[in-house]
Amino acid sequence: MTVVIFLDWVILKFCYKRGRELSAHLMKSYQKLPYIEYMQRNSSEYIQLIHTQTGQFAHLTLQNFLQLISEGLVGIVILSF
C-alpha cells in the first residue's frame, strides 16, 4: 500500500513540474510573437490557454497515463508472487 502512495506522490510531483515547465515555455513563446500578431488576440486569451491547456495535459492526460502504467506494474508484481 505504501508503494502505491509513494508512486502516486512521485507521479503528481512529476506532472506538476512538467505543467510548470510547459506553462513557462508557452508564455515565452507568446512573448516572442511579433507585436502585431500578439495584439490580434486579447492577452486574457493567452493566459486562459496557458492555464487550461497545460492543466489538461499535465493533470488529465499525463497523470492518468502514468498512473495507469504504475498501477499495471504494481499489479504485475503482485500477481507474479
Protein backbone atom coordinates (compact mmCIF):
# COMPACT_ATOMS: atom_id res chain seq x y z
CA MET A 1 0.00 0.00 0.00
CA THR A 2 2.79 2.43 0.84
CA VAL A 3 4.40 1.72 -2.53
CA VAL A 4 1.26 2.85 -4.34
CA ILE A 5 1.07 6.02 -2.26
CA PHE A 6 4.74 6.75 -2.93
CA LEU A 7 4.27 6.17 -6.68
CA ASP A 8 1.25 8.50 -6.71
CA TRP A 9 3.30 11.16 -4.93
CA VAL A 10 6.14 10.82 -7.46
CA ILE A 11 3.68 10.97 -10.37
CA LEU A 12 1.95 14.08 -9.00
CA LYS A 13 5.26 15.81 -8.38
CA PHE A 14 6.43 14.97 -11.90
CA CYS A 15 3.18 16.15 -13.51
CA TYR A 16 3.15 19.46 -11.62
CA LYS A 17 6.76 20.08 -12.61
CA ARG A 18 6.04 19.32 -16.27
CA GLY A 19 2.96 21.55 -16.13
CA ARG A 20 5.02 24.43 -14.73
CA GLU A 21 7.70 23.98 -17.38
CA LEU A 22 5.14 23.79 -20.16
CA SER A 23 3.40 26.95 -18.89
CA ALA A 24 6.68 28.83 -18.80
CA HIS A 25 7.58 27.63 -22.29
CA LEU A 26 4.21 28.71 -23.70
CA MET A 27 4.48 32.12 -22.03
CA LYS A 28 7.93 32.67 -23.52
CA SER A 29 6.62 31.62 -26.92
CA TYR A 30 3.75 34.09 -26.69
CA GLN A 31 6.09 36.86 -25.59
CA LYS A 32 8.31 36.23 -28.62
CA LEU A 33 5.43 36.71 -31.04
CA PRO A 34 5.60 39.79 -33.24
CA TYR A 35 3.71 42.65 -31.62
CA ILE A 36 1.11 42.91 -34.40
CA GLU A 37 0.34 39.20 -34.18
CA TYR A 38 0.26 39.30 -30.38
CA MET A 39 -2.21 42.19 -30.35
CA GLN A 40 -4.68 40.36 -32.60
CA ARG A 41 -5.85 38.46 -29.54
CA ASN A 42 -6.72 39.63 -26.08
CA SER A 43 -3.98 38.89 -23.57
CA SER A 44 -6.51 37.12 -21.35
CA GLU A 45 -6.94 34.54 -24.13
CA TYR A 46 -3.24 33.70 -23.93
CA ILE A 47 -3.42 33.39 -20.16
CA GLN A 48 -6.51 31.20 -20.36
CA LEU A 49 -4.89 28.96 -22.99
CA ILE A 50 -1.76 28.57 -20.89
CA HIS A 51 -3.77 27.75 -17.80
CA THR A 52 -6.30 25.35 -19.35
CA GLN A 53 -4.14 23.60 -21.92
CA THR A 54 -1.23 22.87 -19.61
CA GLY A 55 -3.59 21.82 -16.84
CA GLN A 56 -5.43 19.44 -19.13
CA PHE A 57 -2.23 17.93 -20.43
CA ALA A 58 -0.31 17.66 -17.17
CA HIS A 59 -3.10 16.65 -14.85
CA LEU A 60 -5.57 14.80 -17.04
CA THR A 61 -3.54 13.19 -19.79
CA LEU A 62 -0.04 12.73 -18.39
CA GLN A 63 -1.08 11.94 -14.81
CA ASN A 64 -3.69 9.37 -15.83
CA PHE A 65 -1.31 7.71 -18.27
CA LEU A 66 1.47 7.44 -15.68
CA GLN A 67 -0.91 6.14 -13.02
CA LEU A 68 -2.20 3.51 -15.43
CA ILE A 69 1.34 2.33 -16.10
CA SER A 70 2.36 2.35 -12.41
CA GLU A 71 -0.76 0.51 -11.26
CA GLY A 72 -0.30 -2.02 -14.05
CA LEU A 73 3.28 -2.64 -12.96
CA VAL A 74 2.24 -2.99 -9.32
CA GLY A 75 -0.47 -5.45 -10.39
CA ILE A 76 2.03 -7.50 -12.39
CA VAL A 77 4.42 -7.59 -9.43
CA ILE A 78 1.61 -8.68 -7.09
CA LEU A 79 0.44 -11.41 -9.47
CA SER A 80 3.97 -12.69 -10.01
CA PHE A 81 4.34 -13.56 -6.31
